[in-house]
C-alpha cells in the first residue's frame, strides 16, 4: 500500500542492463520486468528499477517517495524550502517531480495515473 511521504521506490543507473540483470539474478536471485530496452524493474523487498536514460549524467540512486495528491505534495516541498529540479511530468505508470533538499540531495515524488 502506497503512503504519502514514505519511501516507495528506488531507481539506479543501469549501464548495460543485460549485465546488471545477470549479476543481480546470479548473486541474489532477483527477477525483472522489462519496460522497453532502457528500463528493468525489480520487486525485491523494495520496488525499484535500473535505467539507462542519461546513464552518463545520472550516477546516483534516486529515492522516490509517494503522494496521493502530487500537486499538493509539490506545494509542500516548495513551502518547506525544497527546490524543484524537474517539474511534474508523466511516465508509463504515473506522474512525478524531482526536488533537491537543503543538503542538495535529489529525490522524487510520484503518484499513479
C-alpha atoms as a PDB file:
ATOM      1  CA  UNK A   1       0.000   0.000   0.000  1.00  0.00           C
ATOM      2  CA  UNK A   2       1.391   3.381  -1.006  1.00  0.00           C
ATOM      3  CA  UNK A   3       1.565   6.009   1.763  1.00  0.00           C
ATOM      4  CA  UNK A   4       2.063   9.764   1.465  1.00  0.00           C
ATOM      5  CA  UNK A   5       5.632  10.860   2.032  1.00  0.00           C
ATOM      6  CA  UNK A   6       7.051   7.345   2.500  1.00  0.00           C
ATOM      7  CA  UNK A   7       9.943   5.842   0.563  1.00  0.00           C
ATOM      8  CA  UNK A   8       8.227   3.831  -2.145  1.00  0.00           C
ATOM      9  CA  UNK A   9      10.737   3.107  -4.917  1.00  0.00           C
ATOM     10  CA  UNK A  10      14.409   3.483  -5.806  1.00  0.00           C
ATOM     11  CA  UNK A  11      15.931   3.917  -9.253  1.00  0.00           C
ATOM     12  CA  UNK A  12      19.537   3.061 -10.017  1.00  0.00           C
ATOM     13  CA  UNK A  13      21.711   3.790 -13.047  1.00  0.00           C
ATOM     14  CA  UNK A  14      21.768   0.625 -15.140  1.00  0.00           C
ATOM     15  CA  UNK A  15      24.517   0.967 -17.710  1.00  0.00           C
ATOM     16  CA  UNK A  16      24.475  -2.384 -19.527  1.00  0.00           C
ATOM     17  CA  UNK A  17      21.066  -3.701 -18.413  1.00  0.00           C
ATOM     18  CA  UNK A  18      21.851  -7.235 -19.557  1.00  0.00           C
ATOM     19  CA  UNK A  19      24.968  -7.385 -17.400  1.00  0.00           C
ATOM     20  CA  UNK A  20      23.237  -5.741 -14.420  1.00  0.00           C
ATOM     21  CA  UNK A  21      20.272  -8.142 -14.591  1.00  0.00           C
ATOM     22  CA  UNK A  22      22.603 -11.125 -14.955  1.00  0.00           C
ATOM     23  CA  UNK A  23      24.623 -10.014 -11.918  1.00  0.00           C
ATOM     24  CA  UNK A  24      21.664  -9.444  -9.575  1.00  0.00           C
ATOM     25  CA  UNK A  25      19.945 -12.587 -10.823  1.00  0.00           C
ATOM     26  CA  UNK A  26      23.027 -14.752 -10.227  1.00  0.00           C
ATOM     27  CA  UNK A  27      24.112 -13.145  -6.956  1.00  0.00           C
ATOM     28  CA  UNK A  28      20.724 -12.660  -5.275  1.00  0.00           C
ATOM     29  CA  UNK A  29      18.100 -14.474  -7.343  1.00  0.00           C
ATOM     30  CA  UNK A  30      16.380 -11.261  -8.436  1.00  0.00           C
ATOM     31  CA  UNK A  31      13.894 -11.279 -11.307  1.00  0.00           C
ATOM     32  CA  UNK A  32      12.973  -8.349 -13.534  1.00  0.00           C
ATOM     33  CA  UNK A  33      10.128  -6.877 -15.543  1.00  0.00           C
ATOM     34  CA  UNK A  34      11.374  -5.067 -18.635  1.00  0.00           C
ATOM     35  CA  UNK A  35       9.713  -1.817 -19.672  1.00  0.00           C
ATOM     36  CA  UNK A  36      11.361  -1.367 -23.045  1.00  0.00           C
ATOM     37  CA  UNK A  37      15.074  -1.597 -23.782  1.00  0.00           C
ATOM     38  CA  UNK A  38      16.078   1.143 -21.304  1.00  0.00           C
ATOM     39  CA  UNK A  39      14.328   0.086 -18.058  1.00  0.00           C
ATOM     40  CA  UNK A  40      14.144  -3.055 -15.926  1.00  0.00           C
ATOM     41  CA  UNK A  41      12.070  -3.052 -12.721  1.00  0.00           C
ATOM     42  CA  UNK A  42      12.505  -5.281  -9.677  1.00  0.00           C
ATOM     43  CA  UNK A  43      10.438  -6.121  -6.604  1.00  0.00           C
ATOM     44  CA  UNK A  44      12.869  -7.493  -4.066  1.00  0.00           C
ATOM     45  CA  UNK A  45      11.778  -6.115  -0.691  1.00  0.00           C
ATOM     46  CA  UNK A  46      11.598  -2.561  -2.004  1.00  0.00           C
ATOM     47  CA  UNK A  47      10.333  -1.879  -5.504  1.00  0.00           C
ATOM     48  CA  UNK A  48      12.814  -0.285  -7.848  1.00  0.00           C
ATOM     49  CA  UNK A  49      14.408  -0.339 -11.235  1.00  0.00           C
ATOM     50  CA  UNK A  50      17.541   0.108 -13.305  1.00  0.00           C
ATOM     51  CA  UNK A  51      17.517   2.643 -16.138  1.00  0.00           C
ATOM     52  CA  UNK A  52      19.840   3.541 -18.977  1.00  0.00           C
ATOM     53  CA  UNK A  53      18.445   7.021 -19.649  1.00  0.00           C
ATOM     54  CA  UNK A  54      21.094   9.688 -19.124  1.00  0.00           C
ATOM     55  CA  UNK A  55      23.430   6.973 -17.832  1.00  0.00           C
ATOM     56  CA  UNK A  56      26.415   9.345 -18.094  1.00  0.00           C
ATOM     57  CA  UNK A  57      24.652  12.179 -16.257  1.00  0.00           C
ATOM     58  CA  UNK A  58      22.951  10.104 -13.549  1.00  0.00           C
ATOM     59  CA  UNK A  59      25.422   8.349 -11.274  1.00  0.00           C
ATOM     60  CA  UNK A  60      23.477   8.155  -8.007  1.00  0.00           C
ATOM     61  CA  UNK A  61      20.435   6.200  -6.856  1.00  0.00           C
ATOM     62  CA  UNK A  62      17.180   8.171  -6.867  1.00  0.00           C
ATOM     63  CA  UNK A  63      14.932   7.677  -3.837  1.00  0.00           C
ATOM     64  CA  UNK A  64      11.277   8.114  -4.776  1.00  0.00           C
ATOM     65  CA  UNK A  65       8.520   8.986  -2.309  1.00  0.00           C
ATOM     66  CA  UNK A  66       4.784   8.554  -2.883  1.00  0.00           C
ATOM     67  CA  UNK A  67       1.941  11.103  -2.848  1.00  0.00           C
ATOM     68  CA  UNK A  68      -1.795  10.624  -3.290  1.00  0.00           C
ATOM     69  CA  UNK A  69      -2.039  14.279  -4.449  1.00  0.00           C
ATOM     70  CA  UNK A  70       1.088  15.164  -6.416  1.00  0.00           C
ATOM     71  CA  UNK A  71       0.334  18.868  -6.800  1.00  0.00           C
ATOM     72  CA  UNK A  72      -0.321  19.262  -3.062  1.00  0.00           C
ATOM     73  CA  UNK A  73       2.923  17.445  -2.219  1.00  0.00           C
ATOM     74  CA  UNK A  74       4.866  19.626  -4.654  1.00  0.00           C
ATOM     75  CA  UNK A  75       3.437  22.703  -2.895  1.00  0.00           C
ATOM     76  CA  UNK A  76       4.505  21.278   0.497  1.00  0.00           C
ATOM     77  CA  UNK A  77       8.030  20.621  -0.796  1.00  0.00           C
ATOM     78  CA  UNK A  78       8.290  24.205  -2.107  1.00  0.00           C
ATOM     79  CA  UNK A  79       6.877  25.666   1.126  1.00  0.00           C
ATOM     80  CA  UNK A  80       9.392  23.673   3.192  1.00  0.00           C
ATOM     81  CA  UNK A  81      12.291  25.098   1.173  1.00  0.00           C
ATOM     82  CA  UNK A  82      12.842  22.319  -1.367  1.00  0.00           C
ATOM     83  CA  UNK A  83      13.978  23.298  -4.859  1.00  0.00           C
ATOM     84  CA  UNK A  84      12.037  21.712  -7.720  1.00  0.00           C
ATOM     85  CA  UNK A  85      14.666  20.365 -10.124  1.00  0.00           C
ATOM     86  CA  UNK A  86      12.261  18.713 -12.571  1.00  0.00           C
ATOM     87  CA  UNK A  87       8.607  19.838 -12.676  1.00  0.00           C
ATOM     88  CA  UNK A  88       5.744  17.334 -12.771  1.00  0.00           C
ATOM     89  CA  UNK A  89       5.929  15.051 -15.800  1.00  0.00           C
ATOM     90  CA  UNK A  90       4.223  11.862 -16.963  1.00  0.00           C
ATOM     91  CA  UNK A  91       5.864   8.471 -17.403  1.00  0.00           C
ATOM     92  CA  UNK A  92       4.457   4.985 -18.066  1.00  0.00           C
ATOM     93  CA  UNK A  93       2.550   4.204 -14.867  1.00  0.00           C
ATOM     94  CA  UNK A  94       2.135   7.653 -13.376  1.00  0.00           C
ATOM     95  CA  UNK A  95       3.470  11.173 -12.872  1.00  0.00           C
ATOM     96  CA  UNK A  96       6.292  12.583 -10.757  1.00  0.00           C
ATOM     97  CA  UNK A  97       8.531  15.534  -9.972  1.00  0.00           C
ATOM     98  CA  UNK A  98      12.108  15.799  -8.708  1.00  0.00           C
ATOM     99  CA  UNK A  99      13.414  18.101  -5.981  1.00  0.00           C
ATOM    100  CA  UNK A 100      16.577  18.937  -4.074  1.00  0.00           C
ATOM    101  CA  UNK A 101      16.537  19.105  -0.291  1.00  0.00           C
ATOM    102  CA  UNK A 102      18.581  21.716   1.645  1.00  0.00           C
ATOM    103  CA  UNK A 103      21.615  19.380   1.643  1.00  0.00           C
ATOM    104  CA  UNK A 104      21.471  19.067  -2.160  1.00  0.00           C
ATOM    105  CA  UNK A 105      20.141  15.504  -2.252  1.00  0.00           C
ATOM    106  CA  UNK A 106      17.860  14.870  -5.219  1.00  0.00           C
ATOM    107  CA  UNK A 107      14.693  12.872  -4.592  1.00  0.00           C
ATOM    108  CA  UNK A 108      11.441  12.407  -6.491  1.00  0.00           C
ATOM    109  CA  UNK A 109       7.771  12.103  -5.599  1.00  0.00           C
ATOM    110  CA  UNK A 110       5.350  10.085  -7.731  1.00  0.00           C
ATOM    111  CA  UNK A 111       1.678   9.232  -7.977  1.00  0.00           C
ATOM    112  CA  UNK A 112      -0.274   6.730 -10.013  1.00  0.00           C
ATOM    113  CA  UNK A 113      -2.204   7.752 -13.122  1.00  0.00           C
END
